Amino acid sequence: MEADFWLTRWEKREIGFHQVEINRFLKQYWPSLELARDSTVLVPLCGKSRDMLWLAQRGHHVLGVELSEAAVQEFFEELEVQPKVDQQGSFTHYSAENVELLVGDFFALTAENLQEVAGVYDRAALVALPPEMRRDYVNLLAAILPAKAQTLLITFEYRLGDREGPPFSIDIGAVQSLFEGRCDLNMLDSQSFDLRGVDATEHAFRLCYL
């Protein structure tokens, strides 16, 4: 899946993947990660998710990474906040209060970018990637995240053929296979929901990188 796909989606306002409401599993299970209030939390492929605001309001320092600069600009515009903008390597860096958003290619991240990260909130990253890219995503995080980083991972599962991704359907076995040997993985919950007219199940996992 090429970068142009996502940039075009934002340009054409085809952003049905954006959720206005705070994710239910985030509210219910984030406290189980037991992160300090001032911990840095990585939000990969963050878009303009309001979940980041929820995390920031709980004292966390939020570090989001997003390909679309339009999405990042809209995030701050909707908050009526004027961010500071500068360049950090290949990333355009937006920051205001305890939120930092990096605009650029997620796969260009290095351990230096994430050295302060204690937690990861992944609601929109793994499910956005086609199968051939997921292993690279997991391998990168395993290589550059600090040891013992905690993750709340949320995935979707639906019957193949009912719709085309993204978001893509990822069953529990696929999640276990991806993270085996990389993380301690615990299933937290599964709940049925309507994914834009398709019967689906939302899964929540807690991961700790080894």
N, C-alpha and C. Protein backbone atom coordinates (compact mmCIF):
# COMPACT_ATOMS: atom_id res chain seq x y z
N MET A 1 0.85 -1.19 0.00
CA MET A 1 0.00 0.00 0.00
C MET A 1 0.88 1.24 0.00
N GLU A 2 0.71 2.09 -0.99
CA GLU A 2 1.58 3.23 -1.16
C GLU A 2 1.13 4.42 -0.31
N ALA A 3 2.09 5.31 -0.01
CA ALA A 3 1.77 6.50 0.77
C ALA A 3 0.71 7.35 0.08
N ASP A 4 0.74 7.37 -1.24
CA ASP A 4 -0.22 8.19 -1.99
C ASP A 4 -1.66 7.79 -1.69
N PHE A 5 -1.88 6.52 -1.36
CA PHE A 5 -3.24 6.06 -1.05
C PHE A 5 -3.82 6.87 0.10
N TRP A 6 -3.04 6.99 1.20
CA TRP A 6 -3.54 7.69 2.38
C TRP A 6 -3.59 9.19 2.16
N LEU A 7 -2.61 9.73 1.47
CA LEU A 7 -2.63 11.17 1.20
C LEU A 7 -3.84 11.54 0.36
N THR A 8 -4.18 10.69 -0.60
CA THR A 8 -5.36 10.95 -1.43
C THR A 8 -6.63 10.84 -0.62
N ARG A 9 -6.69 9.89 0.31
CA ARG A 9 -7.88 9.75 1.16
C ARG A 9 -8.13 11.03 1.94
N TRP A 10 -7.07 11.61 2.50
CA TRP A 10 -7.24 12.86 3.24
C TRP A 10 -7.59 14.01 2.31
N GLU A 11 -6.96 14.05 1.16
CA GLU A 11 -7.22 15.13 0.21
C GLU A 11 -8.68 15.11 -0.26
N LYS A 12 -9.22 13.92 -0.47
CA LYS A 12 -10.60 13.78 -0.95
C LYS A 12 -11.61 13.72 0.20
N ARG A 13 -11.12 13.82 1.43
CA ARG A 13 -11.96 13.76 2.62
C ARG A 13 -12.64 12.41 2.76
N GLU A 14 -11.99 11.36 2.28
CA GLU A 14 -12.51 10.01 2.43
C GLU A 14 -11.94 9.44 3.73
N ILE A 15 -12.45 9.96 4.84
CA ILE A 15 -11.87 9.64 6.15
C ILE A 15 -12.92 9.01 7.06
N GLY A 16 -13.66 8.06 6.50
CA GLY A 16 -14.63 7.33 7.30
C GLY A 16 -13.99 6.55 8.43
N PHE A 17 -12.67 6.33 8.33
CA PHE A 17 -11.94 5.62 9.38
C PHE A 17 -11.75 6.48 10.62
N HIS A 18 -11.96 7.81 10.48
CA HIS A 18 -11.78 8.70 11.63
C HIS A 18 -12.96 8.55 12.59
N GLN A 19 -12.69 8.34 13.88
CA GLN A 19 -13.73 8.19 14.88
C GLN A 19 -13.81 9.45 15.73
N VAL A 20 -15.04 9.96 15.87
CA VAL A 20 -15.26 11.15 16.69
C VAL A 20 -15.25 10.79 18.17
N GLU A 21 -15.81 9.63 18.51
CA GLU A 21 -15.91 9.21 19.90
C GLU A 21 -14.59 8.59 20.38
N ILE A 22 -14.33 8.75 21.67
CA ILE A 22 -13.16 8.10 22.27
C ILE A 22 -13.39 6.59 22.27
N ASN A 23 -12.39 5.83 21.89
CA ASN A 23 -12.55 4.39 21.79
C ASN A 23 -12.89 3.78 23.15
N ARG A 24 -13.86 2.88 23.15
CA ARG A 24 -14.35 2.28 24.40
C ARG A 24 -13.27 1.45 25.09
N PHE A 25 -12.47 0.72 24.31
CA PHE A 25 -11.42 -0.09 24.91
C PHE A 25 -10.31 0.77 25.49
N LEU A 26 -10.05 1.92 24.88
CA LEU A 26 -9.06 2.83 25.43
C LEU A 26 -9.48 3.27 26.82
N LYS A 27 -10.72 3.70 26.96
CA LYS A 27 -11.21 4.17 28.26
C LYS A 27 -11.22 3.05 29.29
N GLN A 28 -11.57 1.86 28.85
CA GLN A 28 -11.73 0.75 29.80
C GLN A 28 -10.40 0.12 30.20
N TYR A 29 -9.49 -0.03 29.25
CA TYR A 29 -8.30 -0.85 29.51
C TYR A 29 -6.98 -0.10 29.58
N TRP A 30 -6.96 1.17 29.20
CA TRP A 30 -5.69 1.89 29.30
C TRP A 30 -5.13 1.88 30.72
N PRO A 31 -5.97 2.06 31.76
CA PRO A 31 -5.41 2.04 33.12
C PRO A 31 -4.69 0.74 33.46
N SER A 32 -5.02 -0.37 32.79
CA SER A 32 -4.38 -1.65 33.10
C SER A 32 -2.91 -1.68 32.73
N LEU A 33 -2.46 -0.73 31.88
CA LEU A 33 -1.05 -0.67 31.53
C LEU A 33 -0.21 -0.08 32.67
N GLU A 34 -0.88 0.61 33.59
CA GLU A 34 -0.24 1.15 34.80
C GLU A 34 0.95 2.04 34.48
N LEU A 35 0.78 2.91 33.50
CA LEU A 35 1.84 3.86 33.15
C LEU A 35 1.74 5.10 34.02
N ALA A 36 2.88 5.68 34.34
CA ALA A 36 2.90 6.93 35.08
C ALA A 36 2.22 8.03 34.27
N ARG A 37 1.63 9.00 34.97
CA ARG A 37 0.89 10.06 34.29
C ARG A 37 1.75 10.80 33.28
N ASP A 38 3.02 11.01 33.59
CA ASP A 38 3.88 11.80 32.71
C ASP A 38 4.62 10.95 31.68
N SER A 39 4.20 9.70 31.50
CA SER A 39 4.85 8.82 30.52
C SER A 39 4.61 9.32 29.10
N THR A 40 5.57 9.02 28.22
CA THR A 40 5.40 9.31 26.79
C THR A 40 4.71 8.14 26.12
N VAL A 41 3.67 8.45 25.34
CA VAL A 41 2.87 7.42 24.67
C VAL A 41 2.96 7.64 23.16
N LEU A 42 3.38 6.61 22.45
CA LEU A 42 3.44 6.64 20.99
C LEU A 42 2.08 6.26 20.41
N VAL A 43 1.61 7.06 19.44
CA VAL A 43 0.38 6.75 18.71
C VAL A 43 0.74 6.67 17.23
N PRO A 44 1.00 5.46 16.72
CA PRO A 44 1.40 5.33 15.31
C PRO A 44 0.23 5.52 14.36
N LEU A 45 0.52 6.12 13.19
CA LEU A 45 -0.50 6.38 12.16
C LEU A 45 -1.71 7.03 12.81
N CYS A 46 -1.48 8.15 13.47
CA CYS A 46 -2.45 8.72 14.41
C CYS A 46 -3.59 9.48 13.76
N GLY A 47 -3.43 9.94 12.51
CA GLY A 47 -4.47 10.77 11.91
C GLY A 47 -4.70 12.01 12.76
N LYS A 48 -5.98 12.33 12.98
CA LYS A 48 -6.32 13.44 13.88
C LYS A 48 -7.15 12.91 15.05
N SER A 49 -6.85 11.68 15.45
CA SER A 49 -7.65 10.98 16.45
C SER A 49 -7.79 11.78 17.74
N ARG A 50 -9.02 11.87 18.22
CA ARG A 50 -9.28 12.54 19.50
C ARG A 50 -8.86 11.66 20.67
N ASP A 51 -8.55 10.40 20.41
CA ASP A 51 -8.00 9.56 21.47
C ASP A 51 -6.70 10.16 22.00
N MET A 52 -5.97 10.87 21.15
CA MET A 52 -4.72 11.51 21.61
C MET A 52 -5.01 12.58 22.64
N LEU A 53 -6.09 13.31 22.45
CA LEU A 53 -6.47 14.33 23.43
C LEU A 53 -6.83 13.67 24.75
N TRP A 54 -7.54 12.56 24.70
CA TRP A 54 -7.91 11.82 25.91
C TRP A 54 -6.65 11.42 26.68
N LEU A 55 -5.66 10.91 25.97
CA LEU A 55 -4.41 10.52 26.62
C LEU A 55 -3.68 11.73 27.21
N ALA A 56 -3.65 12.82 26.46
CA ALA A 56 -2.98 14.03 26.94
C ALA A 56 -3.66 14.59 28.18
N GLN A 57 -4.97 14.52 28.22
CA GLN A 57 -5.72 15.03 29.37
C GLN A 57 -5.46 14.22 30.63
N ARG A 58 -4.93 13.04 30.48
CA ARG A 58 -4.58 12.21 31.64
C ARG A 58 -3.11 12.34 32.01
N GLY A 59 -2.47 13.37 31.49
CA GLY A 59 -1.12 13.70 31.90
C GLY A 59 -0.02 13.11 31.06
N HIS A 60 -0.38 12.29 30.08
CA HIS A 60 0.65 11.67 29.24
C HIS A 60 1.22 12.67 28.23
N HIS A 61 2.47 12.44 27.88
CA HIS A 61 3.07 13.16 26.75
C HIS A 61 2.80 12.31 25.52
N VAL A 62 2.08 12.85 24.55
CA VAL A 62 1.66 12.10 23.37
C VAL A 62 2.61 12.37 22.22
N LEU A 63 3.11 11.29 21.61
CA LEU A 63 3.95 11.38 20.43
C LEU A 63 3.25 10.63 19.30
N GLY A 64 2.62 11.37 18.39
CA GLY A 64 1.93 10.77 17.26
C GLY A 64 2.78 10.82 16.01
N VAL A 65 2.57 9.85 15.13
CA VAL A 65 3.27 9.82 13.84
C VAL A 65 2.21 9.66 12.75
N GLU A 66 2.26 10.53 11.75
CA GLU A 66 1.22 10.56 10.72
C GLU A 66 1.82 10.97 9.39
N LEU A 67 1.37 10.32 8.33
CA LEU A 67 1.86 10.61 6.99
C LEU A 67 1.28 11.90 6.42
N SER A 68 0.01 12.17 6.75
CA SER A 68 -0.70 13.31 6.16
C SER A 68 -0.54 14.56 7.01
N GLU A 69 0.08 15.58 6.45
CA GLU A 69 0.22 16.84 7.17
C GLU A 69 -1.13 17.50 7.36
N ALA A 70 -2.06 17.29 6.42
CA ALA A 70 -3.40 17.86 6.56
C ALA A 70 -4.08 17.34 7.83
N ALA A 71 -3.92 16.05 8.11
CA ALA A 71 -4.52 15.47 9.31
C ALA A 71 -3.97 16.11 10.57
N VAL A 72 -2.67 16.30 10.61
CA VAL A 72 -2.02 16.91 11.77
C VAL A 72 -2.47 18.35 11.95
N GLN A 73 -2.53 19.10 10.88
CA GLN A 73 -2.98 20.48 10.95
C GLN A 73 -4.42 20.55 11.45
N GLU A 74 -5.27 19.65 10.97
CA GLU A 74 -6.66 19.64 11.40
C GLU A 74 -6.79 19.30 12.88
N PHE A 75 -5.93 18.43 13.37
CA PHE A 75 -5.97 18.08 14.79
C PHE A 75 -5.82 19.33 15.65
N PHE A 76 -4.82 20.14 15.35
CA PHE A 76 -4.59 21.34 16.14
C PHE A 76 -5.64 22.41 15.87
N GLU A 77 -6.10 22.52 14.63
CA GLU A 77 -7.14 23.50 14.31
C GLU A 77 -8.42 23.21 15.08
N GLU A 78 -8.80 21.95 15.18
CA GLU A 78 -10.02 21.59 15.89
C GLU A 78 -9.89 21.83 17.38
N LEU A 79 -8.68 21.82 17.90
CA LEU A 79 -8.44 22.15 19.30
C LEU A 79 -8.27 23.65 19.51
N GLU A 80 -8.23 24.39 18.40
CA GLU A 80 -8.00 25.84 18.43
C GLU A 80 -6.69 26.15 19.15
N VAL A 81 -5.66 25.40 18.77
CA VAL A 81 -4.32 25.55 19.34
C VAL A 81 -3.35 25.83 18.20
N GLN A 82 -2.44 26.78 18.43
CA GLN A 82 -1.42 27.09 17.43
C GLN A 82 -0.14 26.33 17.78
N PRO A 83 0.23 25.31 17.02
CA PRO A 83 1.41 24.54 17.36
C PRO A 83 2.70 25.22 16.89
N LYS A 84 3.78 24.84 17.53
CA LYS A 84 5.11 25.20 17.04
C LYS A 84 5.48 24.19 15.97
N VAL A 85 6.09 24.64 14.89
CA VAL A 85 6.44 23.75 13.78
C VAL A 85 7.93 23.89 13.49
N ASP A 86 8.63 22.76 13.43
CA ASP A 86 10.04 22.77 13.04
C ASP A 86 10.35 21.45 12.33
N GLN A 87 11.60 21.28 11.99
CA GLN A 87 12.02 20.08 11.26
C GLN A 87 12.89 19.22 12.16
N GLN A 88 12.59 17.93 12.22
CA GLN A 88 13.42 16.98 12.96
C GLN A 88 13.81 15.85 12.01
N GLY A 89 14.98 15.97 11.42
CA GLY A 89 15.41 14.99 10.44
C GLY A 89 14.46 14.99 9.25
N SER A 90 13.94 13.83 8.91
CA SER A 90 13.02 13.73 7.77
C SER A 90 11.58 14.06 8.15
N PHE A 91 11.33 14.35 9.42
CA PHE A 91 9.97 14.61 9.90
C PHE A 91 9.73 16.10 10.11
N THR A 92 8.52 16.54 9.75
CA THR A 92 8.04 17.86 10.16
C THR A 92 7.40 17.69 11.53
N HIS A 93 7.83 18.49 12.48
CA HIS A 93 7.50 18.29 13.89
C HIS A 93 6.54 19.39 14.35
N TYR A 94 5.34 18.99 14.77
CA TYR A 94 4.35 19.90 15.33
C TYR A 94 4.25 19.64 16.83
N SER A 95 4.22 20.70 17.63
CA SER A 95 4.11 20.50 19.07
C SER A 95 3.32 21.62 19.72
N ALA A 96 2.54 21.24 20.72
CA ALA A 96 1.79 22.19 21.54
C ALA A 96 1.48 21.51 22.86
N GLU A 97 1.86 22.16 23.95
CA GLU A 97 1.66 21.62 25.29
C GLU A 97 2.28 20.21 25.35
N ASN A 98 1.49 19.18 25.70
CA ASN A 98 2.10 17.85 25.85
C ASN A 98 1.77 16.93 24.68
N VAL A 99 1.57 17.50 23.50
CA VAL A 99 1.34 16.71 22.28
C VAL A 99 2.38 17.07 21.23
N GLU A 100 3.06 16.05 20.70
CA GLU A 100 3.99 16.21 19.58
C GLU A 100 3.54 15.29 18.46
N LEU A 101 3.45 15.82 17.25
CA LEU A 101 3.07 15.01 16.10
C LEU A 101 4.15 15.13 15.04
N LEU A 102 4.62 13.99 14.58
CA LEU A 102 5.64 13.93 13.54
C LEU A 102 4.97 13.59 12.21
N VAL A 103 5.20 14.42 11.21
CA VAL A 103 4.66 14.18 9.87
C VAL A 103 5.74 13.54 9.02
N GLY A 104 5.46 12.34 8.52
CA GLY A 104 6.44 11.66 7.68
C GLY A 104 6.19 10.16 7.66
N ASP A 105 7.15 9.44 7.13
CA ASP A 105 7.06 8.00 6.95
C ASP A 105 7.34 7.29 8.27
N PHE A 106 6.35 6.58 8.79
CA PHE A 106 6.51 5.86 10.05
C PHE A 106 7.74 4.96 10.03
N PHE A 107 8.03 4.36 8.89
CA PHE A 107 9.14 3.40 8.80
C PHE A 107 10.50 4.09 8.80
N ALA A 108 10.50 5.42 8.85
CA ALA A 108 11.76 6.17 8.98
C ALA A 108 12.11 6.46 10.44
N LEU A 109 11.25 6.04 11.37
CA LEU A 109 11.53 6.26 12.78
C LEU A 109 12.78 5.49 13.21
N THR A 110 13.46 6.05 14.21
CA THR A 110 14.63 5.40 14.79
C THR A 110 14.46 5.28 16.30
N ALA A 111 15.35 4.54 16.92
CA ALA A 111 15.31 4.40 18.37
C ALA A 111 15.46 5.75 19.06
N GLU A 112 16.19 6.65 18.45
CA GLU A 112 16.35 7.99 19.03
C GLU A 112 15.02 8.72 19.12
N ASN A 113 14.17 8.56 18.11
CA ASN A 113 12.85 9.20 18.13
C ASN A 113 11.99 8.70 19.29
N LEU A 114 12.19 7.44 19.68
CA LEU A 114 11.29 6.79 20.63
C LEU A 114 11.94 6.51 21.98
N GLN A 115 13.07 7.11 22.25
CA GLN A 115 13.83 6.74 23.44
C GLN A 115 13.08 7.01 24.75
N GLU A 116 12.11 7.93 24.74
CA GLU A 116 11.36 8.25 25.96
C GLU A 116 10.03 7.51 26.04
N VAL A 117 9.70 6.72 25.04
CA VAL A 117 8.38 6.09 24.97
C VAL A 117 8.26 4.96 26.00
N ALA A 118 7.18 5.01 26.78
CA ALA A 118 6.89 3.95 27.75
C ALA A 118 5.66 3.14 27.36
N GLY A 119 4.81 3.72 26.51
CA GLY A 119 3.58 3.04 26.11
C GLY A 119 3.24 3.32 24.67
N VAL A 120 2.45 2.43 24.09
CA VAL A 120 2.00 2.58 22.70
C VAL A 120 0.49 2.36 22.67
N TYR A 121 -0.21 3.23 21.96
CA TYR A 121 -1.63 3.05 21.72
C TYR A 121 -1.84 2.85 20.23
N ASP A 122 -2.19 1.62 19.85
CA ASP A 122 -2.36 1.28 18.43
C ASP A 122 -3.80 0.87 18.18
N ARG A 123 -4.60 1.83 17.74
CA ARG A 123 -5.97 1.54 17.33
C ARG A 123 -6.10 1.57 15.82
N ALA A 124 -5.19 2.27 15.15
CA ALA A 124 -5.39 2.53 13.73
C ALA A 124 -4.21 2.15 12.85
N ALA A 125 -3.14 1.63 13.44
CA ALA A 125 -1.94 1.37 12.64
C ALA A 125 -1.92 -0.04 12.07
N LEU A 126 -1.91 -1.05 12.93
CA LEU A 126 -1.82 -2.42 12.42
C LEU A 126 -2.98 -2.75 11.48
N VAL A 127 -4.17 -2.30 11.82
CA VAL A 127 -5.35 -2.61 10.98
C VAL A 127 -5.34 -1.84 9.67
N ALA A 128 -4.50 -0.81 9.57
CA ALA A 128 -4.41 -0.03 8.33
C ALA A 128 -3.46 -0.66 7.33
N LEU A 129 -2.65 -1.61 7.80
CA LEU A 129 -1.60 -2.17 6.94
C LEU A 129 -2.05 -3.48 6.31
N PRO A 130 -1.77 -3.67 5.03
CA PRO A 130 -2.06 -4.96 4.39
C PRO A 130 -1.13 -6.03 4.96
N PRO A 131 -1.48 -7.30 4.79
CA PRO A 131 -0.70 -8.38 5.40
C PRO A 131 0.80 -8.32 5.12
N GLU A 132 1.18 -7.92 3.91
CA GLU A 132 2.60 -7.95 3.55
C GLU A 132 3.42 -6.87 4.26
N MET A 133 2.77 -5.91 4.91
CA MET A 133 3.50 -4.85 5.60
C MET A 133 3.50 -5.02 7.12
N ARG A 134 2.66 -5.89 7.63
CA ARG A 134 2.49 -5.98 9.09
C ARG A 134 3.74 -6.50 9.79
N ARG A 135 4.41 -7.48 9.19
CA ARG A 135 5.61 -8.02 9.82
C ARG A 135 6.70 -6.96 9.91
N ASP A 136 6.85 -6.14 8.88
CA ASP A 136 7.84 -5.06 8.91
C ASP A 136 7.52 -4.06 10.01
N TYR A 137 6.24 -3.77 10.19
CA TYR A 137 5.80 -2.84 11.23
C TYR A 137 6.16 -3.38 12.62
N VAL A 138 5.83 -4.64 12.86
CA VAL A 138 6.12 -5.24 14.16
C VAL A 138 7.62 -5.34 14.39
N ASN A 139 8.37 -5.73 13.37
CA ASN A 139 9.82 -5.84 13.51
C ASN A 139 10.45 -4.49 13.82
N LEU A 140 9.95 -3.43 13.18
CA LEU A 140 10.49 -2.10 13.45
C LEU A 140 10.25 -1.70 14.89
N LEU A 141 9.02 -1.86 15.37
CA LEU A 141 8.73 -1.48 16.75
C LEU A 141 9.56 -2.29 17.73
N ALA A 142 9.70 -3.58 17.47
CA ALA A 142 10.49 -4.42 18.36
C ALA A 142 11.95 -3.98 18.40
N ALA A 143 12.43 -3.43 17.29
CA ALA A 143 13.83 -3.01 17.20
C ALA A 143 14.09 -1.66 17.85
N ILE A 144 13.12 -0.75 17.81
CA ILE A 144 13.41 0.63 18.22
C ILE A 144 12.68 1.08 19.49
N LEU A 145 11.69 0.32 19.96
CA LEU A 145 11.05 0.70 21.22
C LEU A 145 11.93 0.32 22.40
N PRO A 146 11.91 1.10 23.46
CA PRO A 146 12.61 0.70 24.68
C PRO A 146 12.05 -0.62 25.22
N ALA A 147 12.89 -1.41 25.84
CA ALA A 147 12.45 -2.67 26.43
C ALA A 147 11.36 -2.40 27.46
N LYS A 148 10.40 -3.31 27.54
CA LYS A 148 9.29 -3.27 28.48
C LYS A 148 8.24 -2.22 28.13
N ALA A 149 8.30 -1.66 26.94
CA ALA A 149 7.25 -0.72 26.53
C ALA A 149 5.92 -1.46 26.49
N GLN A 150 4.90 -0.84 27.07
CA GLN A 150 3.57 -1.43 27.14
C GLN A 150 2.73 -0.95 25.96
N THR A 151 1.84 -1.82 25.45
CA THR A 151 1.01 -1.46 24.31
C THR A 151 -0.43 -1.88 24.54
N LEU A 152 -1.35 -1.00 24.19
CA LEU A 152 -2.75 -1.37 24.04
C LEU A 152 -3.01 -1.44 22.54
N LEU A 153 -3.28 -2.65 22.05
CA LEU A 153 -3.51 -2.89 20.63
C LEU A 153 -4.98 -3.22 20.41
N ILE A 154 -5.59 -2.55 19.44
CA ILE A 154 -6.99 -2.79 19.10
C ILE A 154 -7.06 -3.20 17.64
N THR A 155 -7.73 -4.32 17.38
CA THR A 155 -7.85 -4.83 16.01
C THR A 155 -9.31 -5.12 15.70
N PHE A 156 -9.58 -5.31 14.42
CA PHE A 156 -10.92 -5.65 13.94
C PHE A 156 -10.87 -7.02 13.28
N GLU A 157 -11.99 -7.73 13.38
CA GLU A 157 -12.13 -8.99 12.65
C GLU A 157 -13.52 -9.04 12.03
N TYR A 158 -13.58 -9.36 10.74
CA TYR A 158 -14.86 -9.52 10.06
C TYR A 158 -14.70 -10.58 8.98
N ARG A 159 -15.80 -11.06 8.47
CA ARG A 159 -15.76 -12.13 7.48
C ARG A 159 -15.17 -11.60 6.17
N LEU A 160 -14.16 -12.29 5.68
CA LEU A 160 -13.52 -11.87 4.44
C LEU A 160 -14.54 -11.90 3.31
N GLY A 161 -14.54 -10.86 2.51
CA GLY A 161 -15.51 -10.72 1.44
C GLY A 161 -16.63 -9.77 1.78
N ASP A 162 -16.83 -9.50 3.09
CA ASP A 162 -17.89 -8.57 3.49
C ASP A 162 -17.55 -7.13 3.16
N ARG A 163 -16.26 -6.82 3.16
CA ARG A 163 -15.79 -5.48 2.82
C ARG A 163 -14.31 -5.56 2.47
N GLU A 164 -13.83 -4.49 1.85
CA GLU A 164 -12.40 -4.39 1.56
C GLU A 164 -11.76 -3.45 2.57
N GLY A 165 -10.55 -3.80 3.01
CA GLY A 165 -9.84 -2.90 3.90
C GLY A 165 -9.21 -1.76 3.12
N PRO A 166 -8.62 -0.83 3.84
CA PRO A 166 -8.54 -0.75 5.29
C PRO A 166 -9.82 -0.15 5.91
N PRO A 167 -10.06 -0.37 7.21
CA PRO A 167 -9.25 -1.22 8.08
C PRO A 167 -9.41 -2.69 7.70
N PHE A 168 -8.30 -3.42 7.84
CA PHE A 168 -8.28 -4.82 7.46
C PHE A 168 -8.68 -5.72 8.63
N SER A 169 -9.27 -6.85 8.28
CA SER A 169 -9.60 -7.86 9.28
C SER A 169 -8.33 -8.60 9.69
N ILE A 170 -8.12 -8.72 11.00
CA ILE A 170 -6.97 -9.47 11.53
C ILE A 170 -7.49 -10.37 12.63
N ASP A 171 -7.41 -11.68 12.43
CA ASP A 171 -7.94 -12.58 13.45
C ASP A 171 -6.94 -12.75 14.59
N ILE A 172 -7.41 -13.35 15.66
CA ILE A 172 -6.59 -13.48 16.87
C ILE A 172 -5.33 -14.28 16.60
N GLY A 173 -5.45 -15.33 15.81
CA GLY A 173 -4.28 -16.15 15.49
C GLY A 173 -3.21 -15.36 14.75
N ALA A 174 -3.63 -14.47 13.86
CA ALA A 174 -2.67 -13.65 13.12
C ALA A 174 -1.94 -12.70 14.05
N VAL A 175 -2.66 -12.13 15.01
CA VAL A 175 -2.02 -11.25 15.99
C VAL A 175 -0.99 -12.03 16.80
N GLN A 176 -1.37 -13.20 17.26
CA GLN A 176 -0.44 -14.02 18.04
C GLN A 176 0.81 -14.37 17.23
N SER A 177 0.63 -14.70 15.97
CA SER A 177 1.76 -15.05 15.11
C SER A 177 2.69 -13.87 14.89
N LEU A 178 2.12 -12.68 14.70
CA LEU A 178 2.93 -11.49 14.45
C LEU A 178 3.82 -11.14 15.63
N PHE A 179 3.30 -11.29 16.83
CA PHE A 179 4.02 -10.80 18.01
C PHE A 179 4.74 -11.90 18.79
N GLU A 180 4.60 -13.14 18.35
CA GLU A 180 5.25 -14.25 19.04
C GLU A 180 6.76 -14.04 19.09
N GLY A 181 7.32 -14.16 20.28
CA GLY A 181 8.74 -13.98 20.46
C GLY A 181 9.17 -12.53 20.59
N ARG A 182 8.25 -11.62 20.34
CA ARG A 182 8.54 -10.19 20.42
C ARG A 182 7.96 -9.57 21.70
N CYS A 183 6.83 -10.12 22.13
CA CYS A 183 6.07 -9.51 23.23
C CYS A 183 5.43 -10.59 24.09
N ASP A 184 5.18 -10.23 25.34
CA ASP A 184 4.18 -10.94 26.13
C ASP A 184 2.84 -10.37 25.71
N LEU A 185 1.91 -11.24 25.31
CA LEU A 185 0.63 -10.80 24.75
C LEU A 185 -0.51 -11.37 25.57
N ASN A 186 -1.44 -10.50 25.96
CA ASN A 186 -2.61 -10.92 26.71
C ASN A 186 -3.86 -10.38 26.05
N MET A 187 -4.84 -11.25 25.84
CA MET A 187 -6.13 -10.85 25.30
C MET A 187 -6.93 -10.20 26.42
N LEU A 188 -7.47 -9.01 26.15
CA LEU A 188 -8.24 -8.29 27.15
C LEU A 188 -9.74 -8.41 26.95
N ASP A 189 -10.19 -8.33 25.70
CA ASP A 189 -11.63 -8.27 25.47
C ASP A 189 -11.92 -8.44 23.99
N SER A 190 -13.14 -8.85 23.69
CA SER A 190 -13.67 -8.89 22.32
C SER A 190 -15.13 -8.50 22.39
N GLN A 191 -15.54 -7.58 21.52
CA GLN A 191 -16.93 -7.15 21.50
C GLN A 191 -17.38 -6.95 20.06
N SER A 192 -18.63 -7.33 19.80
CA SER A 192 -19.21 -7.14 18.48
C SER A 192 -19.56 -5.68 18.27
N PHE A 193 -19.47 -5.23 17.03
CA PHE A 193 -19.88 -3.88 16.69
C PHE A 193 -20.15 -3.80 15.20
N ASP A 194 -20.74 -2.69 14.78
CA ASP A 194 -21.06 -2.47 13.37
C ASP A 194 -19.96 -1.64 12.74
N LEU A 195 -19.26 -2.22 11.78
CA LEU A 195 -18.18 -1.53 11.07
C LEU A 195 -18.73 -1.02 9.75
N ARG A 196 -19.39 0.13 9.83
CA ARG A 196 -19.99 0.75 8.65
C ARG A 196 -20.80 -0.25 7.83
N GLY A 197 -21.76 -0.89 8.53
CA GLY A 197 -22.68 -1.79 7.87
C GLY A 197 -22.25 -3.24 7.82
N VAL A 198 -21.09 -3.56 8.37
CA VAL A 198 -20.58 -4.93 8.37
C VAL A 198 -20.48 -5.43 9.81
N ASP A 199 -20.98 -6.64 10.05
CA ASP A 199 -20.84 -7.24 11.38
C ASP A 199 -19.37 -7.55 11.63
N ALA A 200 -18.85 -7.02 12.72
CA ALA A 200 -17.42 -7.19 13.02
C ALA A 200 -17.22 -7.39 14.51
N THR A 201 -16.02 -7.78 14.87
CA THR A 201 -15.62 -7.92 16.26
C THR A 201 -14.38 -7.08 16.50
N GLU A 202 -14.40 -6.35 17.59
CA GLU A 202 -13.25 -5.53 17.98
C GLU A 202 -12.52 -6.25 19.11
N HIS A 203 -11.22 -6.44 18.94
CA HIS A 203 -10.40 -7.14 19.93
C HIS A 203 -9.45 -6.15 20.60
N ALA A 204 -9.20 -6.35 21.87
CA ALA A 204 -8.22 -5.55 22.60
C ALA A 204 -7.16 -6.47 23.21
N PHE A 205 -5.90 -6.08 23.06
CA PHE A 205 -4.76 -6.85 23.58
C PHE A 205 -3.85 -5.92 24.38
N ARG A 206 -3.23 -6.49 25.41
CA ARG A 206 -2.14 -5.80 26.11
C ARG A 206 -0.84 -6.51 25.76
N LEU A 207 0.15 -5.73 25.32
CA LEU A 207 1.44 -6.28 24.92
C LEU A 207 2.54 -5.63 25.75
N CYS A 208 3.57 -6.40 26.04
CA CYS A 208 4.78 -5.86 26.66
C CYS A 208 5.97 -6.35 25.84
N TYR A 209 6.70 -5.42 25.23
CA TYR A 209 7.84 -5.80 24.40
C TYR A 209 8.96 -6.37 25.26
N LEU A 210 9.57 -7.43 24.78
CA LEU A 210 10.62 -8.12 25.53
C LEU A 210 11.95 -7.38 25.43
